[in-house]
Amino acid sequence: MERAKEDLEAARVNHSSGLFKAAINRSYYAIFHSIRAVNILDGFDASKHSSVIAHFNQYYVHTGEFDRGIYKIIDGAYRIREKCDYSDFFLASKEESAVQIEHAEAFVKTVEMYISKNDKEKQSD
């Protein structure tokens, strides 16, 4: 979760500096590292982003642990990050950057609450 929080802060700094592609990239990575933090609860990690996301969706979204709407945030962040990183002609706007940061903030907060709840449940067992 520390990496996710650091990426989120980097997204904010980049956004404030007018570096919207970089802000979108860091917003995505805040989400991605949050997903990895959840996946590691059941011992799963992978080097491929698609594998990390697929595991999270299969074991946490489709089972109802997380709201199904969260998949749209992940998918949207993944797609726009790819455009920013790999499309030379994509221009990221201030508004798109702000939306991605907002989504990442909500995602990180949701995951923090989930992990905290999970820790409390394990302690009471």
C-alpha atoms as a PDB file:
ATOM      1  CA  MET A   1       0.000   0.000   0.000  1.00  0.00           C
ATOM      2  CA  GLU A   2       2.939   2.312   0.564  1.00  0.00           C
ATOM      3  CA  ARG A   3       3.811   2.160  -3.132  1.00  0.00           C
ATOM      4  CA  ALA A   4       0.199   2.951  -4.007  1.00  0.00           C
ATOM      5  CA  LYS A   5       0.186   5.980  -1.701  1.00  0.00           C
ATOM      6  CA  GLU A   6       3.510   7.189  -3.082  1.00  0.00           C
ATOM      7  CA  ASP A   7       2.222   6.861  -6.655  1.00  0.00           C
ATOM      8  CA  LEU A   8      -0.928   8.759  -5.720  1.00  0.00           C
ATOM      9  CA  GLU A   9       1.132  11.596  -4.278  1.00  0.00           C
ATOM     10  CA  ALA A  10       3.305  11.622  -7.411  1.00  0.00           C
ATOM     11  CA  ALA A  11       0.130  11.852  -9.505  1.00  0.00           C
ATOM     12  CA  ARG A  12      -0.982  14.908  -7.538  1.00  0.00           C
ATOM     13  CA  VAL A  13       2.428  16.592  -7.875  1.00  0.00           C
ATOM     14  CA  ASN A  14       2.592  15.893 -11.605  1.00  0.00           C
ATOM     15  CA  HIS A  15      -0.952  17.193 -12.077  1.00  0.00           C
ATOM     16  CA  SER A  16      -0.137  20.395 -10.204  1.00  0.00           C
ATOM     17  CA  SER A  17       2.927  20.826 -12.419  1.00  0.00           C
ATOM     18  CA  GLY A  18       0.896  20.430 -15.608  1.00  0.00           C
ATOM     19  CA  LEU A  19       2.377  17.013 -16.385  1.00  0.00           C
ATOM     20  CA  PHE A  20      -0.950  15.362 -17.141  1.00  0.00           C
ATOM     21  CA  LYS A  21       0.344  12.220 -18.884  1.00  0.00           C
ATOM     22  CA  ALA A  22       2.668  11.557 -15.961  1.00  0.00           C
ATOM     23  CA  ALA A  23      -0.192  12.190 -13.510  1.00  0.00           C
ATOM     24  CA  ILE A  24      -2.403   9.698 -15.338  1.00  0.00           C
ATOM     25  CA  ASN A  25       0.425   7.151 -15.342  1.00  0.00           C
ATOM     26  CA  ARG A  26       0.981   7.503 -11.592  1.00  0.00           C
ATOM     27  CA  SER A  27      -2.779   7.372 -10.930  1.00  0.00           C
ATOM     28  CA  TYR A  28      -2.926   4.047 -12.737  1.00  0.00           C
ATOM     29  CA  TYR A  29       0.018   2.719 -10.761  1.00  0.00           C
ATOM     30  CA  ALA A  30      -1.645   3.767  -7.491  1.00  0.00           C
ATOM     31  CA  ILE A  31      -4.581   1.571  -8.500  1.00  0.00           C
ATOM     32  CA  PHE A  32      -2.329  -1.233  -9.728  1.00  0.00           C
ATOM     33  CA  HIS A  33      -0.284  -1.387  -6.527  1.00  0.00           C
ATOM     34  CA  SER A  34      -3.480  -1.314  -4.467  1.00  0.00           C
ATOM     35  CA  ILE A  35      -4.694  -4.342  -6.424  1.00  0.00           C
ATOM     36  CA  ARG A  36      -1.392  -6.103  -5.734  1.00  0.00           C
ATOM     37  CA  ALA A  37      -1.834  -5.358  -2.005  1.00  0.00           C
ATOM     38  CA  VAL A  38      -5.204  -7.119  -2.049  1.00  0.00           C
ATOM     39  CA  ASN A  39      -4.009 -10.039  -4.183  1.00  0.00           C
ATOM     40  CA  ILE A  40      -1.124 -10.736  -1.831  1.00  0.00           C
ATOM     41  CA  LEU A  41      -3.657 -11.481   0.913  1.00  0.00           C
ATOM     42  CA  ASP A  42      -4.197 -14.823  -0.805  1.00  0.00           C
ATOM     43  CA  GLY A  43      -0.560 -15.198  -1.819  1.00  0.00           C
ATOM     44  CA  PHE A  44      -0.896 -14.130  -5.450  1.00  0.00           C
ATOM     45  CA  ASP A  45       1.404 -11.801  -7.367  1.00  0.00           C
ATOM     46  CA  ALA A  46       2.502 -11.716 -10.994  1.00  0.00           C
ATOM     47  CA  SER A  47       4.716  -9.665 -13.251  1.00  0.00           C
ATOM     48  CA  LYS A  48       2.072  -9.111 -15.934  1.00  0.00           C
ATOM     49  CA  HIS A  49      -0.447  -6.359 -15.292  1.00  0.00           C
ATOM     50  CA  SER A  50      -3.189  -8.329 -17.021  1.00  0.00           C
ATOM     51  CA  SER A  51      -2.620 -11.295 -14.680  1.00  0.00           C
ATOM     52  CA  VAL A  52      -2.715  -9.110 -11.565  1.00  0.00           C
ATOM     53  CA  ILE A  53      -5.946  -7.444 -12.709  1.00  0.00           C
ATOM     54  CA  ALA A  54      -7.544 -10.717 -13.835  1.00  0.00           C
ATOM     55  CA  HIS A  55      -6.864 -12.344 -10.454  1.00  0.00           C
ATOM     56  CA  PHE A  56      -8.342  -9.369  -8.606  1.00  0.00           C
ATOM     57  CA  ASN A  57     -11.439  -9.387 -10.793  1.00  0.00           C
ATOM     58  CA  GLN A  58     -11.941 -13.145 -10.481  1.00  0.00           C
ATOM     59  CA  TYR A  59     -11.402 -13.468  -6.737  1.00  0.00           C
ATOM     60  CA  TYR A  60     -12.491 -10.102  -5.390  1.00  0.00           C
ATOM     61  CA  VAL A  61     -14.834  -8.357  -7.822  1.00  0.00           C
ATOM     62  CA  HIS A  62     -16.811 -11.298  -9.207  1.00  0.00           C
ATOM     63  CA  THR A  63     -17.190 -12.764  -5.714  1.00  0.00           C
ATOM     64  CA  GLY A  64     -18.699  -9.532  -4.389  1.00  0.00           C
ATOM     65  CA  GLU A  65     -15.826  -8.571  -2.077  1.00  0.00           C
ATOM     66  CA  PHE A  66     -15.615  -5.332  -4.096  1.00  0.00           C
ATOM     67  CA  ASP A  67     -18.376  -3.548  -5.964  1.00  0.00           C
ATOM     68  CA  ARG A  68     -18.614  -4.610  -9.611  1.00  0.00           C
ATOM     69  CA  GLY A  69     -18.412  -0.977 -10.693  1.00  0.00           C
ATOM     70  CA  ILE A  70     -14.811  -0.899  -9.533  1.00  0.00           C
ATOM     71  CA  TYR A  71     -13.871  -2.841 -12.653  1.00  0.00           C
ATOM     72  CA  LYS A  72     -14.756   0.204 -14.775  1.00  0.00           C
ATOM     73  CA  ILE A  73     -12.291   2.320 -12.798  1.00  0.00           C
ATOM     74  CA  ILE A  74      -9.537  -0.264 -13.287  1.00  0.00           C
ATOM     75  CA  ASP A  75     -10.256  -0.740 -16.981  1.00  0.00           C
ATOM     76  CA  GLY A  76     -10.502   2.995 -17.654  1.00  0.00           C
ATOM     77  CA  ALA A  77      -7.245   3.699 -15.813  1.00  0.00           C
ATOM     78  CA  TYR A  78      -5.479   0.898 -17.677  1.00  0.00           C
ATOM     79  CA  ARG A  79      -6.658   2.088 -21.092  1.00  0.00           C
ATOM     80  CA  ILE A  80      -5.855   5.769 -20.649  1.00  0.00           C
ATOM     81  CA  ARG A  81      -2.471   4.943 -19.102  1.00  0.00           C
ATOM     82  CA  GLU A  82      -1.618   2.886 -22.184  1.00  0.00           C
ATOM     83  CA  LYS A  83      -2.558   5.813 -24.435  1.00  0.00           C
ATOM     84  CA  CYS A  84      -0.394   8.161 -22.376  1.00  0.00           C
ATOM     85  CA  ASP A  85       2.575   5.825 -22.334  1.00  0.00           C
ATOM     86  CA  TYR A  86       2.490   4.424 -25.868  1.00  0.00           C
ATOM     87  CA  SER A  87       0.632   6.827 -28.141  1.00  0.00           C
ATOM     88  CA  ASP A  88       2.891   9.638 -29.285  1.00  0.00           C
ATOM     89  CA  PHE A  89      -0.037  11.729 -30.454  1.00  0.00           C
ATOM     90  CA  PHE A  90      -2.337  11.381 -27.438  1.00  0.00           C
ATOM     91  CA  LEU A  91      -2.789  14.649 -25.557  1.00  0.00           C
ATOM     92  CA  ALA A  92      -3.856  14.225 -21.965  1.00  0.00           C
ATOM     93  CA  SER A  93      -6.056  16.992 -20.640  1.00  0.00           C
ATOM     94  CA  LYS A  94      -6.131  18.547 -17.206  1.00  0.00           C
ATOM     95  CA  GLU A  95      -9.697  17.241 -16.804  1.00  0.00           C
ATOM     96  CA  GLU A  96      -8.733  13.648 -17.684  1.00  0.00           C
ATOM     97  CA  SER A  97      -5.849  13.835 -15.264  1.00  0.00           C
ATOM     98  CA  ALA A  98      -8.101  15.152 -12.490  1.00  0.00           C
ATOM     99  CA  VAL A  99     -10.654  12.387 -13.089  1.00  0.00           C
ATOM    100  CA  GLN A 100      -7.988   9.678 -12.951  1.00  0.00           C
ATOM    101  CA  ILE A 101      -6.581  11.086  -9.716  1.00  0.00           C
ATOM    102  CA  GLU A 102     -10.067  11.188  -8.224  1.00  0.00           C
ATOM    103  CA  HIS A 103     -10.636   7.550  -9.234  1.00  0.00           C
ATOM    104  CA  ALA A 104      -7.259   6.513  -7.831  1.00  0.00           C
ATOM    105  CA  GLU A 105      -7.940   8.289  -4.531  1.00  0.00           C
ATOM    106  CA  ALA A 106     -11.278   6.510  -4.172  1.00  0.00           C
ATOM    107  CA  PHE A 107      -9.742   3.171  -5.147  1.00  0.00           C
ATOM    108  CA  VAL A 108      -6.841   3.458  -2.707  1.00  0.00           C
ATOM    109  CA  LYS A 109      -9.213   4.446   0.094  1.00  0.00           C
ATOM    110  CA  THR A 110     -11.526   1.506  -0.681  1.00  0.00           C
ATOM    111  CA  VAL A 111      -8.618  -0.933  -0.635  1.00  0.00           C
ATOM    112  CA  GLU A 112      -7.245   0.506   2.610  1.00  0.00           C
ATOM    113  CA  MET A 113     -10.641   0.007   4.255  1.00  0.00           C
ATOM    114  CA  TYR A 114     -10.859  -3.550   2.880  1.00  0.00           C
ATOM    115  CA  ILE A 115      -7.395  -4.478   4.159  1.00  0.00           C
ATOM    116  CA  SER A 116      -8.094  -2.903   7.559  1.00  0.00           C
ATOM    117  CA  LYS A 117     -11.386  -4.819   7.827  1.00  0.00           C
ATOM    118  CA  ASN A 118      -9.654  -8.017   6.748  1.00  0.00           C
ATOM    119  CA  ASP A 119      -6.931  -7.526   9.378  1.00  0.00           C
ATOM    120  CA  LYS A 120      -9.512  -6.960  12.129  1.00  0.00           C
ATOM    121  CA  GLU A 121     -11.417 -10.086  11.117  1.00  0.00           C
ATOM    122  CA  LYS A 122      -8.259 -12.186  11.214  1.00  0.00           C
ATOM    123  CA  GLN A 123      -7.348 -10.825  14.640  1.00  0.00           C
ATOM    124  CA  SER A 124     -10.764 -11.744  16.030  1.00  0.00           C
ATOM    125  CA  ASP A 125     -10.551 -15.333  14.725  1.00  0.00           C
END
